[in-house]
Each structure stands twice: as C-alpha cells, then as structure tokens.
Protein backbone atom coordinates (compact mmCIF):
# COMPACT_ATOMS: atom_id res chain seq x y z
CA MET A 1 -17.57 29.91 19.30
CA HIS A 2 -13.97 29.77 18.24
CA LYS A 3 -12.82 31.83 15.29
CA THR A 4 -11.28 29.35 12.92
CA LYS A 5 -9.15 29.50 9.82
CA THR A 6 -9.53 27.08 6.94
CA LEU A 7 -8.98 23.57 8.33
CA SER A 8 -8.29 20.38 6.40
CA TYR A 9 -7.40 16.79 7.28
CA ARG A 10 -6.37 14.21 4.70
CA HIS A 11 -7.52 16.71 2.03
CA ARG A 12 -11.02 17.07 3.56
CA VAL A 13 -11.89 20.70 4.34
CA ILE A 14 -13.40 21.11 7.82
CA THR A 15 -15.96 23.97 7.87
CA ASP A 16 -17.46 25.80 10.79
CA GLU A 17 -20.71 23.86 10.13
CA ASP A 18 -18.72 20.62 10.44
CA LEU A 19 -17.38 21.70 13.83
CA VAL A 20 -20.82 22.46 15.05
CA PHE A 21 -22.00 19.05 13.84
CA ILE A 22 -19.17 17.28 15.66
CA ARG A 23 -19.72 19.15 18.89
CA ASN A 24 -23.45 18.24 18.76
CA LEU A 25 -22.55 14.62 18.05
CA ILE A 26 -20.37 14.48 21.14
CA ALA A 27 -23.00 16.20 23.28
CA GLU A 28 -25.73 13.76 22.08
CA HIS A 29 -23.61 10.71 23.06
CA PRO A 30 -22.06 11.62 26.43
CA GLY A 31 -21.24 8.01 27.29
CA ALA A 32 -19.59 7.11 23.95
CA SER A 33 -15.87 6.42 23.71
CA ARG A 34 -13.61 8.20 21.30
CA ARG A 35 -13.64 5.14 19.05
CA ARG A 36 -17.43 4.99 19.01
CA LEU A 37 -17.70 8.74 18.29
CA SER A 38 -15.38 8.37 15.32
CA GLU A 39 -17.47 5.51 14.00
CA LYS A 40 -20.68 7.55 14.35
CA LEU A 41 -19.04 10.47 12.54
CA CYS A 42 -17.93 8.22 9.69
CA GLU A 43 -21.50 6.88 9.44
CA ALA A 44 -22.95 10.38 9.42
CA TRP A 45 -20.54 11.63 6.79
CA ASN A 46 -20.57 8.39 4.81
CA TRP A 47 -16.75 8.41 5.18
CA VAL A 48 -15.92 4.96 3.93
CA GLN A 49 -13.20 3.12 2.00
CA ALA A 50 -13.77 1.82 -1.46
CA ASN A 51 -14.65 -1.62 0.00
CA GLY A 52 -17.32 -0.05 2.23
CA ALA A 53 -15.37 -0.21 5.53
CA LEU A 54 -15.55 2.83 7.76
CA ARG A 55 -12.50 5.12 7.75
CA SER A 56 -12.70 5.17 11.56
CA MET A 57 -8.94 5.36 12.15
CA VAL A 58 -8.62 8.40 9.86
CA CYS A 59 -11.65 9.93 11.57
CA ARG A 60 -10.12 9.42 14.99
CA GLY A 61 -7.04 11.27 13.79
CA LEU A 62 -9.19 14.15 12.59
CA MET A 63 -11.06 14.38 15.87
CA LEU A 64 -7.86 14.20 17.87
CA MET A 65 -6.39 17.03 15.81
CA LEU A 66 -9.50 19.19 16.51
CA HIS A 67 -9.39 18.27 20.17
CA ARG A 68 -5.71 19.31 20.49
CA GLN A 69 -6.48 22.64 18.82
CA GLY A 70 -9.28 23.31 21.31
CA LEU A 71 -12.01 23.21 18.66
CA ILE A 72 -13.86 20.26 20.18
CA GLU A 73 -13.67 18.44 23.51
CA LEU A 74 -13.36 14.64 23.41
CA PRO A 75 -14.12 12.44 26.34
CA PRO A 76 -11.16 11.19 28.40
CA VAL A 77 -9.16 8.26 27.01
CA ARG A 78 -10.53 5.04 28.47
CA GLN A 79 -7.64 2.76 27.63
CA VAL A 80 -4.28 3.01 25.91
CA SER A 81 -4.20 0.42 23.15
CA ARG A 82 -1.03 -1.29 22.08
CA ASN A 83 0.15 0.16 18.80
CA PRO A 84 0.62 -2.90 16.57
CA LEU A 85 2.92 -1.01 14.19
CA VAL A 86 5.22 0.31 16.87
CA ASP A 87 5.17 -2.68 19.23
CA ARG A 88 4.88 -5.42 16.65
CA ASP A 89 6.87 -8.56 17.49
CA GLN A 90 9.39 -9.81 14.95
CA PRO A 91 8.03 -12.60 12.69
CA GLY A 92 8.46 -16.01 14.23
CA LEU A 93 10.63 -18.64 12.59
CA VAL A 94 8.83 -20.99 10.22
CA ASN A 95 10.92 -23.87 8.94
CA VAL A 96 10.80 -24.85 5.26
CA ASP A 97 12.70 -27.25 3.03
CA GLU A 98 15.92 -25.37 2.04
CA ALA A 99 17.36 -28.03 -0.19
CA PRO A 100 18.81 -26.52 -3.36
CA LEU A 101 16.36 -26.25 -6.23
CA GLN A 102 18.26 -25.76 -9.48
CA THR A 103 16.47 -26.47 -12.72
CA SER A 104 14.94 -24.81 -15.81
CA LEU A 105 11.64 -22.95 -15.72
CA ALA A 106 10.01 -25.60 -17.93
CA GLU A 107 11.20 -28.43 -15.69
CA LEU A 108 10.17 -26.59 -12.55
CA GLY A 109 6.57 -27.41 -13.34
CA LEU A 110 3.36 -25.66 -12.47
CA LEU A 111 3.66 -22.53 -10.35
CA GLU A 112 0.96 -21.71 -7.85
CA VAL A 113 0.67 -18.05 -6.76
CA ARG A 114 -1.30 -17.60 -3.55
CA GLN A 115 -2.48 -14.33 -2.02
CA VAL A 116 -1.79 -15.03 1.67
CA ARG A 117 -2.72 -11.85 3.56
CA ARG A 118 -5.27 -12.70 6.24
CA THR A 119 -4.64 -16.41 5.77
CA PRO A 120 -2.70 -18.93 7.91
CA GLU A 121 0.14 -18.76 5.40
CA GLU A 122 0.85 -15.11 6.19
CA ALA A 123 3.15 -16.11 9.04
CA LEU A 124 5.27 -18.13 6.62
CA PHE A 125 5.47 -15.13 4.27
CA ASN A 126 6.57 -12.79 7.03
CA SER A 127 9.14 -15.28 8.30
CA LEU A 128 10.73 -15.83 4.90
CA LEU A 129 11.09 -12.10 4.24
CA GLU A 130 12.54 -11.47 7.69
CA ARG A 131 15.13 -14.21 7.32
CA HIS A 132 16.09 -13.92 3.64
CA HIS A 133 15.37 -10.43 2.28
CA TYR A 134 18.23 -7.94 2.79
CA LEU A 135 15.73 -5.32 4.06
CA GLY A 136 13.95 -7.77 6.35
CA TYR A 137 10.24 -7.73 7.02
CA VAL A 138 8.40 -4.44 7.67
CA GLN A 139 4.63 -4.46 8.23
CA PRO A 140 2.99 -2.47 5.42
CA VAL A 141 0.68 0.41 6.30
CA GLY A 142 -2.56 0.92 4.37
CA GLU A 143 -3.78 -1.26 1.54
CA HIS A 144 -1.44 -4.16 0.81
CA LEU A 145 -1.32 -7.78 -0.44
CA LYS A 146 1.16 -10.56 0.09
CA TYR A 147 1.88 -13.46 -2.26
CA LEU A 148 3.71 -16.77 -1.85
CA VAL A 149 4.75 -18.56 -4.97
CA TYR A 150 4.93 -22.38 -4.78
CA ALA A 151 6.56 -24.95 -7.10
CA GLN A 152 6.84 -28.66 -6.47
CA ASP A 153 4.96 -28.14 -3.16
CA ARG A 154 7.63 -25.77 -1.91
CA PRO A 155 7.70 -21.95 -1.54
CA VAL A 156 10.07 -20.43 -4.03
CA ALA A 157 9.31 -16.69 -3.88
CA CYS A 158 7.56 -13.92 -1.92
CA VAL A 159 6.05 -10.77 -3.50
CA ALA A 160 4.62 -7.89 -1.46
CA TRP A 161 2.54 -4.95 -2.75
CA CYS A 162 1.26 -1.87 -0.93
CA SER A 163 -0.20 1.58 -1.61
CA ALA A 164 1.93 3.75 -3.85
CA PRO A 165 3.81 6.81 -2.63
CA ARG A 166 1.67 9.97 -2.97
CA HIS A 167 4.39 12.08 -4.58
CA LEU A 168 6.89 10.65 -7.02
CA GLY A 169 8.13 13.11 -9.62
CA SER A 170 9.29 10.74 -12.36
CA ARG A 171 6.16 8.58 -12.04
CA ASP A 172 3.83 11.60 -12.04
CA ARG A 173 5.50 13.08 -15.14
CA HIS A 174 5.22 9.69 -16.92
CA ILE A 175 1.48 9.46 -16.22
CA GLY A 176 0.98 13.14 -16.95
CA TRP A 177 -1.92 13.58 -14.48
CA SER A 178 -2.85 16.77 -12.72
CA ALA A 179 -2.36 17.24 -8.95
CA GLN A 180 -6.17 16.91 -8.53
CA ALA A 181 -6.24 13.68 -10.52
CA ARG A 182 -3.27 12.31 -8.58
CA LEU A 183 -5.04 13.03 -5.31
CA ALA A 184 -8.21 11.35 -6.53
CA ASN A 185 -6.64 8.31 -8.18
CA ILE A 186 -3.41 7.49 -6.34
CA ARG A 187 -5.22 4.55 -4.81
CA LEU A 188 -5.31 2.99 -8.32
CA LEU A 189 -1.52 2.43 -8.19
CA ALA A 190 0.37 -0.24 -6.31
CA TYR A 191 4.01 -0.34 -5.19
CA ASN A 192 6.05 -3.55 -5.23
CA THR A 193 7.78 -3.13 -1.89
CA ARG A 194 9.41 -6.59 -1.64
CA PHE A 195 10.32 -9.27 -4.21
CA LEU A 196 12.33 -12.27 -2.99
CA ILE A 197 13.40 -15.38 -4.82
CA LEU A 198 14.42 -17.68 -2.00
CA PRO A 199 18.22 -18.13 -1.85
CA TRP A 200 18.25 -21.88 -2.46
CA VAL A 201 16.22 -21.47 -5.72
CA ALA A 202 18.18 -21.11 -8.97
CA VAL A 203 15.77 -21.06 -11.89
CA PRO A 204 16.60 -18.83 -14.87
CA HIS A 205 13.79 -16.45 -15.90
CA LEU A 206 11.69 -17.35 -12.85
CA ALA A 207 11.56 -13.81 -11.49
CA SER A 208 10.38 -12.19 -14.71
CA HIS A 209 7.85 -14.97 -15.17
CA ILE A 210 6.39 -14.29 -11.70
CA LEU A 211 6.20 -10.55 -12.49
CA GLY A 212 4.18 -11.43 -15.58
CA ARG A 213 1.82 -13.58 -13.52
CA MET A 214 1.46 -10.73 -11.00
CA ALA A 215 0.48 -8.29 -13.76
CA ARG A 216 -2.39 -10.51 -14.76
CA MET A 217 -3.84 -11.17 -11.29
CA LEU A 218 -2.99 -8.25 -9.00
CA SER A 219 -5.83 -5.89 -9.98
CA THR A 220 -8.51 -8.59 -9.54
CA ASP A 221 -7.18 -9.53 -6.11
CA TRP A 222 -7.02 -5.85 -5.09
CA GLN A 223 -10.61 -5.33 -6.25
CA ARG A 224 -11.63 -8.36 -4.15
CA MET A 225 -9.86 -7.07 -1.02
CA TYR A 226 -10.32 -3.32 -1.27
CA GLY A 227 -13.15 -2.67 -3.72
CA HIS A 228 -11.11 -1.00 -6.50
CA PRO A 229 -8.73 -2.09 -9.30
CA ILE A 230 -5.12 -1.23 -9.94
CA TYR A 231 -4.09 0.37 -13.28
CA PHE A 232 -0.34 0.95 -12.79
CA VAL A 233 2.42 -0.67 -10.71
CA GLU A 234 5.85 0.62 -9.71
CA THR A 235 8.94 -0.25 -7.70
CA PHE A 236 12.31 1.11 -6.61
CA VAL A 237 15.63 -0.56 -7.48
CA ASP A 238 18.81 0.26 -5.66
CA PRO A 239 21.43 0.40 -8.50
CA GLN A 240 24.27 -0.12 -6.05
CA ARG A 241 22.88 -3.61 -5.39
CA PHE A 242 20.78 -4.64 -8.40
CA ARG A 243 20.33 -3.97 -12.08
CA GLY A 244 16.62 -4.62 -12.18
CA THR A 245 17.12 -7.22 -14.88
CA CYS A 246 13.99 -9.22 -14.05
CA TYR A 247 11.77 -6.16 -14.19
CA ARG A 248 13.19 -5.07 -17.53
CA ALA A 249 12.73 -8.63 -18.85
CA ALA A 250 9.08 -8.38 -17.78
CA ASN A 251 8.78 -5.17 -19.83
CA TRP A 252 8.85 -2.73 -16.92
CA ILE A 253 10.38 0.61 -17.95
CA VAL A 254 12.73 2.94 -16.11
CA LEU A 255 10.81 6.12 -15.29
CA GLY A 256 13.69 8.02 -13.62
CA GLU A 257 15.23 8.28 -10.18
CA THR A 258 14.14 9.25 -6.74
CA THR A 259 15.42 12.48 -5.21
CA GLY A 260 16.96 10.69 -2.26
CA ARG A 261 14.66 12.49 0.13
CA GLY A 262 12.07 10.74 2.28
CA LYS A 263 8.54 12.12 2.57
CA ASP A 264 9.39 13.71 5.95
CA ALA A 265 12.78 15.11 4.95
CA PRO A 266 13.31 18.48 6.77
CA THR A 267 15.34 19.97 3.86
CA ARG A 268 15.74 19.51 0.11
CA GLN A 269 19.05 17.73 0.60
CA ALA A 270 19.29 13.99 -0.10
CA ASN A 271 19.23 11.93 3.07
CA ARG A 272 19.13 8.40 1.60
CA SER A 273 20.40 6.49 -1.40
CA ILE A 274 18.94 7.36 -4.78
CA LYS A 275 16.87 4.60 -6.38
CA GLN A 276 15.76 3.88 -9.92
CA VAL A 277 11.99 4.07 -10.40
CA LEU A 278 10.48 1.42 -12.64
CA GLY A 279 6.84 1.16 -13.70
CA TYR A 280 4.46 -1.03 -15.60
CA PRO A 281 0.89 -0.26 -16.81
CA LEU A 282 -1.74 -2.93 -16.28
CA VAL A 283 -4.05 -1.38 -18.84
CA LYS A 284 -3.22 0.31 -22.18
CA ASP A 285 -5.25 3.44 -21.46
CA PHE A 286 -3.83 3.98 -17.94
CA ARG A 287 -3.13 7.64 -18.54
CA GLN A 288 -6.69 8.37 -19.51
CA ARG A 289 -8.13 6.36 -16.59
CA LEU A 290 -5.75 7.89 -14.05
CA SER A 291 -6.37 11.45 -15.32
CA LYS A 292 -10.15 11.25 -14.90
CA LEU A 293 -11.84 13.16 -12.07
CA ASP A 294 -15.02 12.02 -10.29
CA SER A 295 -15.62 9.10 -12.65
CA PRO A 296 -16.20 5.42 -11.76
CA VAL A 297 -13.20 3.15 -12.02
CA GLU A 298 -13.20 0.40 -14.64
CA LEU A 299 -11.87 -3.06 -14.18
CA PRO A 300 -8.80 -3.87 -16.27
CA VAL A 301 -9.26 -6.38 -19.07
CA ALA A 302 -6.91 -9.33 -18.59
CA ALA A 303 -4.23 -9.58 -21.27
C-alpha cells in the first residue's frame, strides 16, 4: 500500500480508508467506465448538490487526481468527449426588433422578467449578449441563471447571475464571516456577471427598477433550480467605463475594490484592471445567516 500524506480535493479530506474503498469499488466493477465509477462513488458517499444531483463531475476530477498520483488505477479512457466549455460555438444570431424605444418607465408599461436558462429563449439571451455587451457572451461555469426582460412584447434587457467568487476581500470583510463559514456558505451568494440594457432602449430608471425586481425574485428562482436560496448578491463595476449609477439607485453599496489579481495570478502583482465591488443583501440578517456553520438554510422573506 502506498504511503500517503494528507490529501484533499475541493476541501474534502481523502483518508487511507477512502483510498481502500475506492480501490475496492474499482475492483468490484471491472467493466465500468470512469464516468460510471464516479457516479457509484458519489452514490456511496452521498456526494450530491443541494438540489440532489450527483456531483459526478467533481468526483471524476478527484478520481483522476488520485489516478495521476498513482494512488488508484482507473480503467482506460473509452472515449474523449468534446469539452463544451472549450469548444463551445459562438452564439448564433437571433434577430429582434431594434426600432428605438424611448419613453418613460411609467409609459413603458408592464415588464415581464423571464428566467430563460434551459428554455428555448436561452439562445436569444446568448445572442443578445454576444452582439451588444462590450464583454460579449461567456458561458458561465457552475450554478447560474439567465433573465430576459420584456416590455411591449420586445426584449429590453438581459441579466446574468452565477456563483460568487470564493475569495473577495472587501466582500468578506463586509459580511464578517469566518473562513470556515465562507467555505460552507459561499453558495448562498450570487454574482451579477452581466447586465445589459439593449442599445436601442432609452428609458430613465429602467435599470435600477430591474435590479429591484431581481432582488425580489432571484432567491426563489435559485431555490427552484439548485435547491438553496441566495442571501447576498454582488457585482464588479469598471470605474473607467461606468459609474455604477443604476446599482447605487437600487441601494447597492460600494464594498471596496478588487486587487486586480485573478484567482490564478502567479504573483501578488495586479494583472488586470481594478474594479469596484458592489453588494446588496437580500435579507436583513444576512450576516447571521451567512456566518452559521452546519445549520439549515432559511428561505428569504420577500420584501
């Protein structure tokens, strides 16, 4: 048996007993693929997401790490799957009515906010971001939701949310949680990665109004999709391009600035532009809820 040091993967400690269990699992299923073995290990360990889905992709990463270190022996790869994140095609063009829409918020009429991820309208969302957002469209990784906002039967805005960054100094100081609480509860935060008012739409106060609508519905939609609520939301604003006026008008607050280093930065030197960090709590007692350890999450009460 190999002499091992303390191993961990995605903050799960892998013991010698775990290694023995995995080796026996592989031996007991000689005809199983790597994918199937990871699913069986998830089932055995009850390694699931909040919505009950197996964490099979994470488990495959764990088993591959152990295989590369010589601690287990996986069966040969049966097929090389296309990586949808690396090889993803650019969003296709979806035509919409681009006639100027210039009016007041009151005269705009009823707004309809639709969560479009995993719906036929997702292609329209992707297309609009790719064509009209200065950062283009990038497929989110991990938990995420996509919203189209309609008025007068036309799309007027796109809003994208995804999992929050694990480490963000100004945010973490504002919440005041411990490292253990952050690790346990980071999933209860969401990051507004894209917000686009379509360029032919000129409606004063529309953006801040949409942010207010988002604050009232995001957590419920996240609970429906992923099995847990959201207690705090955040975003980055590039001060060289924007002032963040709509966020401030919607009562978001400036938490601080980024360090200008990405998560994989090799040094402590800034390697990208510094952004303002803005945040907004979806519940009044967000600090208490986010600082709890090993306690059930509570659904936010709509304002």
